[in-house]
Amino acid sequence: MIEEIEMTFDEVLSYVKTNVDVGDVLEISYNRIFAPGEVLGFTEEDDMTGEGFRVGLQLNGEILNQSVEIDFNEIEDDLIEMRHITDEKELIIEIL
């Protein structure tokens, strides 16, 4: 089942923290970048370094097979859309 909703950036951040699990698929579109991948893990904000909440992804692709860490604070102004895909559903989130 595919569902589409709209959220603010803060709502998206809260959604990721509470609803996305390791092994789920996130497809994150920001700026001119599309990063689809399986969630490897999460890293909480670090006040000492100023880094924000981060999600580790194993990128999908035949040629490109690498892991990346996306800092949500760094993409806040550029985040366009995110898809959360599990075995049960697919949620498309448009950022307001």
C-alpha atoms as a PDB file:
ATOM      1  CA  MET A   1       0.000   0.000   0.000  1.00  0.00           C
ATOM      2  CA  ILE A   2       1.362   3.424  -0.956  1.00  0.00           C
ATOM      3  CA  GLU A   3       0.448   6.441   1.146  1.00  0.00           C
ATOM      4  CA  GLU A   4       1.394  10.085   0.525  1.00  0.00           C
ATOM      5  CA  ILE A   5       1.572  12.747   3.235  1.00  0.00           C
ATOM      6  CA  GLU A   6       3.081  16.195   3.807  1.00  0.00           C
ATOM      7  CA  MET A   7       5.272  17.064   6.795  1.00  0.00           C
ATOM      8  CA  THR A   8       7.495  19.860   8.006  1.00  0.00           C
ATOM      9  CA  PHE A   9      11.189  19.126   8.462  1.00  0.00           C
ATOM     10  CA  ASP A  10      10.772  18.807  12.245  1.00  0.00           C
ATOM     11  CA  GLU A  11       7.934  16.317  11.763  1.00  0.00           C
ATOM     12  CA  VAL A  12      10.096  14.302   9.348  1.00  0.00           C
ATOM     13  CA  LEU A  13      12.946  14.193  11.849  1.00  0.00           C
ATOM     14  CA  SER A  14      10.586  12.998  14.576  1.00  0.00           C
ATOM     15  CA  TYR A  15       9.063  10.438  12.182  1.00  0.00           C
ATOM     16  CA  VAL A  16      12.476   8.986  11.289  1.00  0.00           C
ATOM     17  CA  LYS A  17      13.485   8.732  14.952  1.00  0.00           C
ATOM     18  CA  THR A  18      10.296   6.910  15.976  1.00  0.00           C
ATOM     19  CA  ASN A  19       9.189   4.908  12.915  1.00  0.00           C
ATOM     20  CA  VAL A  20      12.211   3.951  10.815  1.00  0.00           C
ATOM     21  CA  ASP A  21      14.059   0.769  11.777  1.00  0.00           C
ATOM     22  CA  VAL A  22      17.364  -0.787  10.759  1.00  0.00           C
ATOM     23  CA  GLY A  23      16.728  -2.792   7.583  1.00  0.00           C
ATOM     24  CA  ASP A  24      13.994  -0.485   6.259  1.00  0.00           C
ATOM     25  CA  VAL A  25      14.576   1.328   2.966  1.00  0.00           C
ATOM     26  CA  LEU A  26      14.776   5.124   2.859  1.00  0.00           C
ATOM     27  CA  GLU A  27      14.886   7.049  -0.398  1.00  0.00           C
ATOM     28  CA  ILE A  28      15.957  10.599   0.399  1.00  0.00           C
ATOM     29  CA  SER A  29      15.776  13.386  -2.205  1.00  0.00           C
ATOM     30  CA  TYR A  30      17.580  16.608  -1.346  1.00  0.00           C
ATOM     31  CA  ASN A  31      19.150  19.352  -3.427  1.00  0.00           C
ATOM     32  CA  ARG A  32      20.108  17.446  -6.609  1.00  0.00           C
ATOM     33  CA  ILE A  33      20.845  14.204  -4.802  1.00  0.00           C
ATOM     34  CA  PHE A  34      18.798  11.003  -4.676  1.00  0.00           C
ATOM     35  CA  ALA A  35      20.032   8.580  -2.017  1.00  0.00           C
ATOM     36  CA  PRO A  36      18.119   5.278  -1.920  1.00  0.00           C
ATOM     37  CA  GLY A  37      19.329   2.677   0.514  1.00  0.00           C
ATOM     38  CA  GLU A  38      18.834   0.252   3.352  1.00  0.00           C
ATOM     39  CA  VAL A  39      19.074   1.761   6.822  1.00  0.00           C
ATOM     40  CA  LEU A  40      22.201   0.543   8.624  1.00  0.00           C
ATOM     41  CA  GLY A  41      21.824   2.570  11.805  1.00  0.00           C
ATOM     42  CA  PHE A  42      21.283   5.887  13.527  1.00  0.00           C
ATOM     43  CA  THR A  43      23.557   8.343  15.339  1.00  0.00           C
ATOM     44  CA  GLU A  44      22.032  10.841  17.742  1.00  0.00           C
ATOM     45  CA  GLU A  45      22.838  14.553  17.720  1.00  0.00           C
ATOM     46  CA  ASP A  46      26.190  15.536  19.198  1.00  0.00           C
ATOM     47  CA  ASP A  47      26.216  18.937  20.894  1.00  0.00           C
ATOM     48  CA  MET A  48      30.004  18.830  21.295  1.00  0.00           C
ATOM     49  CA  THR A  49      30.695  18.538  17.556  1.00  0.00           C
ATOM     50  CA  GLY A  50      27.524  20.220  16.311  1.00  0.00           C
ATOM     51  CA  GLU A  51      26.586  17.205  14.210  1.00  0.00           C
ATOM     52  CA  GLY A  52      22.880  16.531  13.829  1.00  0.00           C
ATOM     53  CA  PHE A  53      20.853  13.331  13.822  1.00  0.00           C
ATOM     54  CA  ARG A  54      22.412  11.008  11.241  1.00  0.00           C
ATOM     55  CA  VAL A  55      21.163   7.982   9.335  1.00  0.00           C
ATOM     56  CA  GLY A  56      23.563   5.432   7.875  1.00  0.00           C
ATOM     57  CA  LEU A  57      22.479   3.968   4.524  1.00  0.00           C
ATOM     58  CA  GLN A  58      23.805   1.137   2.371  1.00  0.00           C
ATOM     59  CA  LEU A  59      23.102   2.643  -1.050  1.00  0.00           C
ATOM     60  CA  ASN A  60      21.202   0.551  -3.602  1.00  0.00           C
ATOM     61  CA  GLY A  61      22.659   0.125  -7.047  1.00  0.00           C
ATOM     62  CA  GLU A  62      24.529  -2.211  -9.322  1.00  0.00           C
ATOM     63  CA  ILE A  63      27.516   0.039  -9.935  1.00  0.00           C
ATOM     64  CA  LEU A  64      27.412   2.068  -6.764  1.00  0.00           C
ATOM     65  CA  ASN A  65      27.436  -0.060  -3.633  1.00  0.00           C
ATOM     66  CA  GLN A  66      28.651   2.021  -0.743  1.00  0.00           C
ATOM     67  CA  SER A  67      27.488   3.194   2.632  1.00  0.00           C
ATOM     68  CA  VAL A  68      26.902   6.838   3.489  1.00  0.00           C
ATOM     69  CA  GLU A  69      25.855   8.774   6.544  1.00  0.00           C
ATOM     70  CA  ILE A  70      23.328  11.573   6.043  1.00  0.00           C
ATOM     71  CA  ASP A  71      23.233  14.377   8.615  1.00  0.00           C
ATOM     72  CA  PHE A  72      19.693  15.729   8.724  1.00  0.00           C
ATOM     73  CA  ASN A  73      20.881  19.116  10.033  1.00  0.00           C
ATOM     74  CA  GLU A  74      23.010  19.556   6.908  1.00  0.00           C
ATOM     75  CA  ILE A  75      20.162  18.782   4.494  1.00  0.00           C
ATOM     76  CA  GLU A  76      17.373  20.608   6.374  1.00  0.00           C
ATOM     77  CA  ASP A  77      17.001  23.432   3.830  1.00  0.00           C
ATOM     78  CA  ASP A  78      17.398  21.151   0.798  1.00  0.00           C
ATOM     79  CA  LEU A  79      15.198  18.170   1.724  1.00  0.00           C
ATOM     80  CA  ILE A  80      12.489  17.721  -0.925  1.00  0.00           C
ATOM     81  CA  GLU A  81      10.980  14.273  -0.461  1.00  0.00           C
ATOM     82  CA  MET A  82      11.549  11.051   1.422  1.00  0.00           C
ATOM     83  CA  ARG A  83      10.153   7.552   0.920  1.00  0.00           C
ATOM     84  CA  HIS A  84      10.004   5.041   3.759  1.00  0.00           C
ATOM     85  CA  ILE A  85       9.600   1.499   2.469  1.00  0.00           C
ATOM     86  CA  THR A  86       8.916  -1.537   4.647  1.00  0.00           C
ATOM     87  CA  ASP A  87       7.544  -5.003   3.878  1.00  0.00           C
ATOM     88  CA  GLU A  88       4.053  -3.777   4.750  1.00  0.00           C
ATOM     89  CA  LYS A  89       3.842  -0.320   3.185  1.00  0.00           C
ATOM     90  CA  GLU A  90       5.439   2.539   1.294  1.00  0.00           C
ATOM     91  CA  LEU A  91       5.095   6.071   2.631  1.00  0.00           C
ATOM     92  CA  ILE A  92       5.945   9.071   0.448  1.00  0.00           C
ATOM     93  CA  ILE A  93       6.631  12.193   2.494  1.00  0.00           C
ATOM     94  CA  GLU A  94       6.654  15.580   0.785  1.00  0.00           C
ATOM     95  CA  ILE A  95       8.500  18.237   2.779  1.00  0.00           C
ATOM     96  CA  LEU A  96       6.673  21.536   3.330  1.00  0.00           C
END
